[in-house]
Protein backbone atom coordinates (compact mmCIF):
# COMPACT_ATOMS: atom_id res chain seq x y z
CA UNK A 1 14.29 9.03 1.51
CA UNK A 2 16.86 6.34 0.84
CA UNK A 3 17.98 6.51 4.46
CA UNK A 4 14.38 6.07 5.55
CA UNK A 5 14.06 2.91 3.50
CA UNK A 6 17.20 1.49 5.06
CA UNK A 7 16.02 2.35 8.58
CA UNK A 8 12.61 0.87 7.82
CA UNK A 9 14.26 -2.25 6.44
CA UNK A 10 16.36 -2.65 9.58
CA UNK A 11 13.29 -2.26 11.80
CA UNK A 12 11.51 -4.82 9.64
CA UNK A 13 14.25 -7.38 10.10
CA UNK A 14 14.01 -7.00 13.87
CA UNK A 15 10.22 -7.26 13.96
CA UNK A 16 8.33 -9.39 11.44
CA UNK A 17 4.82 -9.43 12.94
CA UNK A 18 2.38 -7.15 14.69
CA UNK A 19 0.92 -3.79 13.69
CA UNK A 20 2.97 -1.45 11.55
CA UNK A 21 4.18 1.51 13.63
CA UNK A 22 2.48 4.83 12.83
CA UNK A 23 5.83 6.48 12.00
CA UNK A 24 6.18 4.09 9.07
CA UNK A 25 2.84 5.05 7.56
CA UNK A 26 3.21 6.68 4.19
CA UNK A 27 -0.11 8.36 3.38
CA UNK A 28 -1.86 5.53 5.27
CA UNK A 29 -0.11 2.92 3.13
CA UNK A 30 2.45 1.36 5.47
CA UNK A 31 5.06 -1.16 4.43
CA UNK A 32 3.92 -4.67 5.38
CA UNK A 33 6.93 -6.53 3.98
CA UNK A 34 10.27 -5.98 2.23
CA UNK A 35 12.48 -8.44 0.38
CA UNK A 36 15.10 -8.31 -2.39
CA UNK A 37 14.51 -4.60 -2.92
CA UNK A 38 10.74 -5.00 -3.25
CA UNK A 39 8.50 -3.03 -0.89
CA UNK A 40 4.97 -4.35 -0.22
CA UNK A 41 2.32 -1.95 1.06
CA UNK A 42 -1.40 -2.09 1.78
CA UNK A 43 -3.56 1.03 1.98
CA UNK A 44 -5.79 1.16 5.01
CA UNK A 45 -9.07 3.03 5.33
CA UNK A 46 -12.61 2.05 6.28
CA UNK A 47 -14.34 0.58 3.24
CA UNK A 48 -11.16 0.24 1.16
CA UNK A 49 -12.24 -0.60 -2.37
CA UNK A 50 -12.49 -4.18 -3.59
CA UNK A 51 -11.13 -6.48 -4.84
CA UNK A 52 -8.62 -7.23 -2.08
CA UNK A 53 -5.20 -6.11 -3.27
CA UNK A 54 -1.73 -4.97 -2.27
CA UNK A 55 0.88 -2.73 -3.84
CA UNK A 56 4.47 -3.65 -4.75
CA UNK A 57 7.25 -1.16 -5.43
CA UNK A 58 10.65 -1.84 -6.93
CA UNK A 59 12.83 1.12 -7.92
CA UNK A 60 10.69 3.18 -10.32
CA UNK A 61 8.20 0.34 -10.88
CA UNK A 62 4.79 0.13 -9.19
CA UNK A 63 2.29 -2.70 -9.39
CA UNK A 64 -1.01 -3.73 -7.81
CA UNK A 65 -1.80 -7.41 -7.20
CA UNK A 66 -5.02 -9.24 -6.38
CA UNK A 67 -4.89 -11.06 -3.04
CA UNK A 68 -7.30 -13.73 -4.31
CA UNK A 69 -5.76 -14.56 -7.69
CA UNK A 70 -2.25 -13.09 -7.23
CA UNK A 71 -2.62 -11.64 -10.73
CA UNK A 72 -1.10 -8.33 -11.67
CA UNK A 73 -4.01 -5.89 -11.73
CA UNK A 74 -2.21 -2.68 -12.66
CA UNK A 75 1.29 -1.40 -13.30
CA UNK A 76 4.41 -3.42 -13.96
CA UNK A 77 7.49 -4.95 -12.37
CA UNK A 78 10.55 -6.53 -13.94
CA UNK A 79 9.95 -10.24 -14.62
CA UNK A 80 12.16 -11.48 -11.76
CA UNK A 81 10.53 -9.20 -9.17
CA UNK A 82 7.07 -10.11 -10.49
CA UNK A 83 7.81 -13.79 -9.85
CA UNK A 84 9.24 -13.02 -6.39
CA UNK A 85 6.17 -11.01 -5.38
CA UNK A 86 3.78 -13.71 -6.59
CA UNK A 87 5.77 -16.45 -4.82
CA UNK A 88 5.78 -14.41 -1.59
CA UNK A 89 2.05 -13.70 -1.88
CA UNK A 90 1.25 -17.36 -2.47
CA UNK A 91 3.10 -18.28 0.73
CA UNK A 92 1.34 -15.54 2.71
CA UNK A 93 -2.11 -15.41 1.13
CA UNK A 94 -3.91 -16.10 4.45
CA UNK A 95 -1.99 -13.27 6.12
CA UNK A 96 -2.76 -10.94 3.20
CA UNK A 97 -6.46 -11.80 3.52
CA UNK A 98 -6.33 -11.13 7.27
CA UNK A 99 -4.59 -7.81 6.62
CA UNK A 100 -7.26 -6.94 4.05
CA UNK A 101 -9.96 -7.54 6.68
CA UNK A 102 -8.08 -5.23 9.02
CA UNK A 103 -7.63 -2.43 6.48
CA UNK A 104 -11.29 -2.48 5.44
CA UNK A 105 -12.09 -1.82 9.10
CA UNK A 106 -9.68 1.09 9.16
CA UNK A 107 -7.05 -0.78 11.17
CA UNK A 108 -3.36 -0.85 10.36
CA UNK A 109 -2.24 -4.08 8.68
CA UNK A 110 0.23 -6.42 10.36
CA UNK A 111 3.75 -7.08 9.14
CA UNK A 112 4.22 -10.17 7.03
CA UNK A 113 7.57 -12.01 6.99
CA UNK A 114 9.72 -11.43 3.88
CA UNK A 115 10.52 -13.96 1.21
CA UNK A 116 13.69 -15.82 2.23
């Protein structure tokens, strides 16, 4: 599993936009971005439940964030990673909204550049 994350991270660095390859899908929740050890995913299925949201993973921590308000909806992250995820989401809110439109239509979301 750790090797998969590293491979996925390397592929991400080489390609920062476009649809997420099917081989990276994890139970239809592909990784859309990775930065500083944080993995961002968005579940895709027709009629995905509102409100628009994305999932962040960091080590054993899991959290769900609102795309519209950037507020933590569920779960927890360490304070530093929480701030990083919210800063990234603020910079990429339009892309997150576009990805949400795609996932509610059953399409795979596009990659979003990492926080740098």
